[in-house]
Amino acid sequence: MKGKGGAVHLPDWEPKEIEDYYTLYVQIMGISEDAFWYSDIGFVKTAAANKQAFEKWMNRQSEAKRKKK
């Protein structure tokens, strides 16, 4: 689940148990526990995807900056 530059990627499989969801979204992706427990799962999935997209963008920006030096 870790890719280049330490970015975390969402898996291609769907978690089956609540423990799997908790591990993926809270412990690995860094979604807050409050958001996980009190929000709709669709919101949590969207937040994780948005976080992943932002991290990819940040990694590309950092890489581009390093190449300029």
N, C-alpha and C. Protein backbone atom coordinates (compact mmCIF):
# COMPACT_ATOMS: atom_id res chain seq x y z
N MET A 1 0.81 -1.19 0.00
CA MET A 1 0.00 0.00 0.00
C MET A 1 0.85 1.26 0.00
N LYS A 2 2.14 1.12 0.29
CA LYS A 2 3.04 2.27 0.20
C LYS A 2 3.62 2.29 -1.20
N GLY A 3 3.63 3.45 -1.79
CA GLY A 3 4.18 3.60 -3.13
C GLY A 3 5.45 4.41 -3.10
N LYS A 4 5.83 4.93 -4.25
CA LYS A 4 7.02 5.77 -4.34
C LYS A 4 6.87 6.98 -3.44
N GLY A 5 7.94 7.37 -2.82
CA GLY A 5 7.91 8.56 -1.99
C GLY A 5 7.14 8.41 -0.71
N GLY A 6 6.79 7.19 -0.32
CA GLY A 6 6.09 6.97 0.94
C GLY A 6 4.60 7.26 0.89
N ALA A 7 4.07 7.54 -0.30
CA ALA A 7 2.64 7.83 -0.40
C ALA A 7 1.83 6.56 -0.15
N VAL A 8 0.69 6.72 0.47
CA VAL A 8 -0.20 5.59 0.73
C VAL A 8 -1.25 5.54 -0.36
N HIS A 9 -1.48 4.36 -0.91
CA HIS A 9 -2.46 4.18 -1.97
C HIS A 9 -3.62 3.34 -1.47
N LEU A 10 -4.81 3.69 -1.90
CA LEU A 10 -5.98 2.90 -1.55
C LEU A 10 -5.88 1.54 -2.24
N PRO A 11 -6.29 0.49 -1.56
CA PRO A 11 -6.19 -0.85 -2.17
C PRO A 11 -7.24 -1.05 -3.25
N ASP A 12 -7.00 -2.05 -4.09
CA ASP A 12 -7.95 -2.39 -5.16
C ASP A 12 -9.09 -3.26 -4.63
N TRP A 13 -8.99 -3.75 -3.40
CA TRP A 13 -10.00 -4.61 -2.80
C TRP A 13 -10.84 -3.81 -1.80
N GLU A 14 -11.99 -4.31 -1.53
CA GLU A 14 -12.90 -3.67 -0.57
C GLU A 14 -12.76 -4.37 0.79
N PRO A 15 -12.50 -3.60 1.86
CA PRO A 15 -12.44 -4.22 3.19
C PRO A 15 -13.76 -4.94 3.50
N LYS A 16 -13.67 -6.01 4.29
CA LYS A 16 -14.86 -6.81 4.60
C LYS A 16 -15.40 -6.58 6.01
N GLU A 17 -14.54 -6.36 6.96
CA GLU A 17 -14.93 -6.20 8.37
C GLU A 17 -14.66 -4.78 8.83
N ILE A 18 -15.33 -4.36 9.89
CA ILE A 18 -15.15 -3.01 10.42
C ILE A 18 -13.69 -2.78 10.84
N GLU A 19 -13.04 -3.83 11.33
CA GLU A 19 -11.64 -3.72 11.71
C GLU A 19 -10.76 -3.40 10.51
N ASP A 20 -11.10 -3.98 9.35
CA ASP A 20 -10.36 -3.70 8.12
C ASP A 20 -10.53 -2.25 7.70
N TYR A 21 -11.78 -1.78 7.76
CA TYR A 21 -12.04 -0.38 7.43
C TYR A 21 -11.29 0.55 8.37
N TYR A 22 -11.35 0.26 9.66
CA TYR A 22 -10.68 1.11 10.66
C TYR A 22 -9.17 1.14 10.41
N THR A 23 -8.59 -0.02 10.19
CA THR A 23 -7.15 -0.08 9.94
C THR A 23 -6.77 0.72 8.70
N LEU A 24 -7.52 0.54 7.63
CA LEU A 24 -7.22 1.23 6.38
C LEU A 24 -7.39 2.73 6.51
N TYR A 25 -8.56 3.17 6.96
CA TYR A 25 -8.85 4.60 6.92
C TYR A 25 -8.27 5.39 8.08
N VAL A 26 -8.23 4.84 9.27
CA VAL A 26 -7.72 5.59 10.42
C VAL A 26 -6.22 5.38 10.61
N GLN A 27 -5.81 4.13 10.70
CA GLN A 27 -4.42 3.87 11.02
C GLN A 27 -3.48 4.05 9.84
N ILE A 28 -3.91 3.71 8.65
CA ILE A 28 -3.02 3.82 7.48
C ILE A 28 -3.20 5.16 6.77
N MET A 29 -4.46 5.52 6.46
CA MET A 29 -4.70 6.75 5.70
C MET A 29 -4.69 8.01 6.55
N GLY A 30 -4.86 7.87 7.85
CA GLY A 30 -4.80 9.04 8.73
C GLY A 30 -6.10 9.82 8.84
N ILE A 31 -7.22 9.22 8.48
CA ILE A 31 -8.53 9.86 8.65
C ILE A 31 -8.82 9.88 10.15
N SER A 32 -9.38 10.98 10.63
CA SER A 32 -9.63 11.08 12.07
C SER A 32 -10.64 10.03 12.55
N GLU A 33 -10.48 9.62 13.79
CA GLU A 33 -11.41 8.64 14.35
C GLU A 33 -12.83 9.18 14.38
N ASP A 34 -13.00 10.46 14.70
CA ASP A 34 -14.34 11.05 14.73
C ASP A 34 -14.99 10.98 13.35
N ALA A 35 -14.24 11.31 12.32
CA ALA A 35 -14.79 11.24 10.96
C ALA A 35 -15.14 9.80 10.62
N PHE A 36 -14.29 8.86 11.03
CA PHE A 36 -14.55 7.46 10.73
C PHE A 36 -15.81 6.96 11.42
N TRP A 37 -15.95 7.23 12.71
CA TRP A 37 -17.08 6.68 13.47
C TRP A 37 -18.39 7.43 13.25
N TYR A 38 -18.32 8.73 12.98
CA TYR A 38 -19.55 9.53 12.95
C TYR A 38 -19.97 10.02 11.56
N SER A 39 -19.21 9.67 10.53
CA SER A 39 -19.55 10.10 9.17
C SER A 39 -19.99 8.90 8.35
N ASP A 40 -20.70 9.19 7.29
CA ASP A 40 -21.10 8.17 6.33
C ASP A 40 -19.85 7.59 5.69
N ILE A 41 -19.84 6.29 5.39
CA ILE A 41 -18.67 5.64 4.80
C ILE A 41 -18.31 6.26 3.46
N GLY A 42 -19.30 6.77 2.74
CA GLY A 42 -19.01 7.45 1.48
C GLY A 42 -18.15 8.68 1.69
N PHE A 43 -18.42 9.43 2.76
CA PHE A 43 -17.61 10.60 3.09
C PHE A 43 -16.18 10.18 3.42
N VAL A 44 -16.04 9.12 4.21
CA VAL A 44 -14.72 8.63 4.61
C VAL A 44 -13.93 8.20 3.38
N LYS A 45 -14.58 7.48 2.47
CA LYS A 45 -13.90 7.04 1.25
C LYS A 45 -13.46 8.24 0.40
N THR A 46 -14.34 9.23 0.29
CA THR A 46 -14.01 10.43 -0.48
C THR A 46 -12.87 11.20 0.16
N ALA A 47 -12.91 11.32 1.49
CA ALA A 47 -11.83 12.02 2.20
C ALA A 47 -10.50 11.30 1.99
N ALA A 48 -10.50 9.98 2.04
CA ALA A 48 -9.28 9.22 1.83
C ALA A 48 -8.77 9.39 0.40
N ALA A 49 -9.66 9.36 -0.57
CA ALA A 49 -9.26 9.56 -1.97
C ALA A 49 -8.71 10.96 -2.19
N ASN A 50 -9.35 11.96 -1.58
CA ASN A 50 -8.86 13.33 -1.70
C ASN A 50 -7.49 13.49 -1.04
N LYS A 51 -7.31 12.87 0.10
CA LYS A 51 -6.02 12.93 0.78
C LYS A 51 -4.94 12.27 -0.07
N GLN A 52 -5.27 11.14 -0.68
CA GLN A 52 -4.34 10.44 -1.54
C GLN A 52 -3.96 11.32 -2.75
N ALA A 53 -4.94 11.96 -3.36
CA ALA A 53 -4.68 12.82 -4.51
C ALA A 53 -3.80 14.00 -4.10
N PHE A 54 -4.06 14.59 -2.95
CA PHE A 54 -3.26 15.71 -2.47
C PHE A 54 -1.82 15.27 -2.21
N GLU A 55 -1.64 14.12 -1.59
CA GLU A 55 -0.28 13.62 -1.32
C GLU A 55 0.48 13.35 -2.61
N LYS A 56 -0.20 12.81 -3.63
CA LYS A 56 0.44 12.59 -4.92
C LYS A 56 0.87 13.92 -5.53
N TRP A 57 0.01 14.92 -5.45
CA TRP A 57 0.32 16.23 -5.99
C TRP A 57 1.52 16.83 -5.26
N MET A 58 1.52 16.73 -3.92
CA MET A 58 2.64 17.26 -3.13
C MET A 58 3.94 16.55 -3.50
N ASN A 59 3.89 15.25 -3.67
CA ASN A 59 5.10 14.50 -4.05
C ASN A 59 5.62 14.93 -5.41
N ARG A 60 4.70 15.16 -6.37
CA ARG A 60 5.13 15.63 -7.69
C ARG A 60 5.75 17.01 -7.60
N GLN A 61 5.17 17.88 -6.77
CA GLN A 61 5.73 19.22 -6.61
C GLN A 61 7.13 19.17 -5.99
N SER A 62 7.30 18.33 -5.00
CA SER A 62 8.61 18.18 -4.35
C SER A 62 9.64 17.63 -5.33
N GLU A 63 9.22 16.64 -6.12
CA GLU A 63 10.12 16.05 -7.09
C GLU A 63 10.52 17.07 -8.15
N ALA A 64 9.58 17.86 -8.62
CA ALA A 64 9.87 18.88 -9.62
C ALA A 64 10.83 19.92 -9.06
N LYS A 65 10.64 20.27 -7.80
CA LYS A 65 11.52 21.25 -7.15
C LYS A 65 12.94 20.71 -7.04
N ARG A 66 13.07 19.43 -6.69
CA ARG A 66 14.41 18.81 -6.59
C ARG A 66 15.09 18.77 -7.92
N LYS A 67 14.35 18.51 -8.99
CA LYS A 67 14.94 18.43 -10.34
C LYS A 67 15.44 19.79 -10.80
N LYS A 68 14.83 20.87 -10.34
CA LYS A 68 15.25 22.21 -10.73
C LYS A 68 16.59 22.60 -10.13
N LYS A 69 16.93 22.00 -9.01
CA LYS A 69 18.18 22.37 -8.32
C LYS A 69 19.39 21.87 -9.03
